[in-house]
Amino acid sequence: MYFNVMAQLQWSGDIQCSVTVDGETKTGHASGDYNICNAQLSAGLFGGWEG
């Protein structure tokens, strides 16, 4: 399984994004013109979540 969130700034600014699955959270941050905030979690080979 794979969970991803992505957000792109249209002009300048500052944004934070996060994805949470089963209590595990991965965060991302972007600032400036047209930059992209990305956070993702994927299922680990032996269980759990990896960012």
N, C-alpha and C. Protein backbone atom coordinates (compact mmCIF):
# COMPACT_ATOMS: atom_id res chain seq x y z
N MET A 1 0.84 -1.18 0.00
CA MET A 1 0.00 0.00 0.00
C MET A 1 0.87 1.24 0.00
N TYR A 2 0.33 2.29 -0.56
CA TYR A 2 1.08 3.52 -0.73
C TYR A 2 0.12 4.69 -0.58
N PHE A 3 0.47 5.66 0.26
CA PHE A 3 -0.35 6.86 0.45
C PHE A 3 0.53 8.08 0.20
N ASN A 4 0.00 9.02 -0.56
CA ASN A 4 0.78 10.20 -0.94
C ASN A 4 -0.13 11.42 -0.97
N VAL A 5 0.40 12.56 -0.53
CA VAL A 5 -0.29 13.84 -0.68
C VAL A 5 0.71 14.82 -1.27
N MET A 6 0.25 15.61 -2.25
CA MET A 6 1.12 16.58 -2.91
C MET A 6 0.33 17.87 -3.12
N ALA A 7 0.98 18.98 -2.84
CA ALA A 7 0.37 20.29 -3.06
C ALA A 7 1.41 21.22 -3.65
N GLN A 8 1.03 22.00 -4.65
CA GLN A 8 1.97 22.92 -5.30
C GLN A 8 1.49 24.35 -5.11
N LEU A 9 2.44 25.21 -4.75
CA LEU A 9 2.14 26.63 -4.63
C LEU A 9 1.94 27.23 -6.02
N GLN A 10 0.94 28.07 -6.16
CA GLN A 10 0.68 28.68 -7.46
C GLN A 10 1.65 29.85 -7.72
N TRP A 11 1.91 30.63 -6.70
CA TRP A 11 2.91 31.69 -6.76
C TRP A 11 3.76 31.54 -5.51
N SER A 12 4.23 32.61 -4.96
CA SER A 12 5.04 32.49 -3.74
C SER A 12 4.14 32.17 -2.55
N GLY A 13 4.74 31.67 -1.50
CA GLY A 13 3.99 31.33 -0.29
C GLY A 13 4.71 30.29 0.52
N ASP A 14 3.99 29.71 1.45
CA ASP A 14 4.54 28.72 2.37
C ASP A 14 3.43 27.71 2.67
N ILE A 15 3.74 26.42 2.56
CA ILE A 15 2.73 25.39 2.78
C ILE A 15 3.34 24.21 3.50
N GLN A 16 2.54 23.59 4.36
CA GLN A 16 2.93 22.34 5.02
C GLN A 16 1.87 21.31 4.69
N CYS A 17 2.29 20.05 4.50
CA CYS A 17 1.35 18.97 4.21
C CYS A 17 1.74 17.75 5.03
N SER A 18 0.78 16.85 5.24
CA SER A 18 1.07 15.63 6.00
C SER A 18 0.11 14.53 5.59
N VAL A 19 0.56 13.30 5.79
CA VAL A 19 -0.28 12.12 5.60
C VAL A 19 -0.10 11.25 6.84
N THR A 20 -1.22 10.74 7.37
CA THR A 20 -1.19 9.90 8.57
C THR A 20 -1.94 8.60 8.31
N VAL A 21 -1.29 7.47 8.63
CA VAL A 21 -1.90 6.16 8.48
C VAL A 21 -1.56 5.35 9.73
N ASP A 22 -2.57 4.79 10.37
CA ASP A 22 -2.38 3.97 11.57
C ASP A 22 -1.49 4.64 12.61
N GLY A 23 -1.65 5.95 12.80
CA GLY A 23 -0.88 6.68 13.80
C GLY A 23 0.51 7.10 13.36
N GLU A 24 0.96 6.68 12.19
CA GLU A 24 2.28 7.07 11.65
C GLU A 24 2.07 8.28 10.74
N THR A 25 2.84 9.34 10.97
CA THR A 25 2.69 10.58 10.20
C THR A 25 3.98 10.94 9.50
N LYS A 26 3.84 11.37 8.24
CA LYS A 26 4.97 11.90 7.47
C LYS A 26 4.56 13.31 7.04
N THR A 27 5.46 14.27 7.23
CA THR A 27 5.15 15.66 6.89
C THR A 27 6.06 16.16 5.78
N GLY A 28 5.62 17.23 5.14
CA GLY A 28 6.42 17.89 4.12
C GLY A 28 6.25 19.40 4.24
N HIS A 29 7.11 20.14 3.58
CA HIS A 29 7.09 21.59 3.64
C HIS A 29 7.62 22.15 2.32
N ALA A 30 7.04 23.25 1.87
CA ALA A 30 7.52 23.94 0.69
C ALA A 30 7.30 25.44 0.85
N SER A 31 8.20 26.22 0.30
CA SER A 31 8.03 27.67 0.29
C SER A 31 8.67 28.23 -0.96
N GLY A 32 8.15 29.37 -1.41
CA GLY A 32 8.68 30.01 -2.60
C GLY A 32 7.79 29.78 -3.81
N ASP A 33 8.23 30.29 -4.94
CA ASP A 33 7.45 30.24 -6.18
C ASP A 33 7.33 28.82 -6.73
N TYR A 34 6.09 28.35 -6.88
CA TYR A 34 5.76 27.10 -7.57
C TYR A 34 6.38 25.83 -6.97
N ASN A 35 6.88 25.88 -5.75
CA ASN A 35 7.46 24.70 -5.13
C ASN A 35 6.37 23.70 -4.72
N ILE A 36 6.78 22.44 -4.52
CA ILE A 36 5.84 21.36 -4.26
C ILE A 36 6.08 20.77 -2.87
N CYS A 37 5.01 20.61 -2.11
CA CYS A 37 5.03 19.94 -0.82
C CYS A 37 4.58 18.50 -1.05
N ASN A 38 5.36 17.55 -0.54
CA ASN A 38 5.05 16.14 -0.75
C ASN A 38 5.27 15.37 0.55
N ALA A 39 4.33 14.50 0.88
CA ALA A 39 4.47 13.60 2.04
C ALA A 39 3.93 12.24 1.62
N GLN A 40 4.67 11.18 1.94
CA GLN A 40 4.21 9.85 1.55
C GLN A 40 4.59 8.79 2.57
N LEU A 41 3.74 7.77 2.65
CA LEU A 41 3.98 6.60 3.48
C LEU A 41 3.70 5.37 2.64
N SER A 42 4.54 4.36 2.78
CA SER A 42 4.30 3.10 2.08
C SER A 42 4.43 1.95 3.07
N ALA A 43 3.74 0.87 2.79
CA ALA A 43 3.78 -0.30 3.66
C ALA A 43 5.17 -0.90 3.63
N GLY A 44 5.71 -1.21 4.81
CA GLY A 44 7.04 -1.82 4.91
C GLY A 44 6.99 -3.29 4.51
N LEU A 45 8.10 -3.82 4.14
CA LEU A 45 8.21 -5.21 3.71
C LEU A 45 7.78 -6.17 4.82
N PHE A 46 8.10 -5.82 6.06
CA PHE A 46 7.78 -6.69 7.20
C PHE A 46 6.71 -6.06 8.11
N GLY A 47 5.86 -5.22 7.55
CA GLY A 47 4.81 -4.55 8.31
C GLY A 47 5.21 -3.14 8.67
N GLY A 48 4.30 -2.39 9.23
CA GLY A 48 4.55 -1.01 9.59
C GLY A 48 4.55 -0.12 8.36
N TRP A 49 4.94 1.13 8.58
CA TRP A 49 4.92 2.13 7.51
C TRP A 49 6.28 2.79 7.41
N GLU A 50 6.70 3.08 6.18
CA GLU A 50 7.97 3.75 5.92
C GLU A 50 7.71 5.05 5.18
N GLY A 51 8.42 6.11 5.59
CA GLY A 51 8.24 7.39 4.92
C GLY A 51 9.27 7.65 3.88
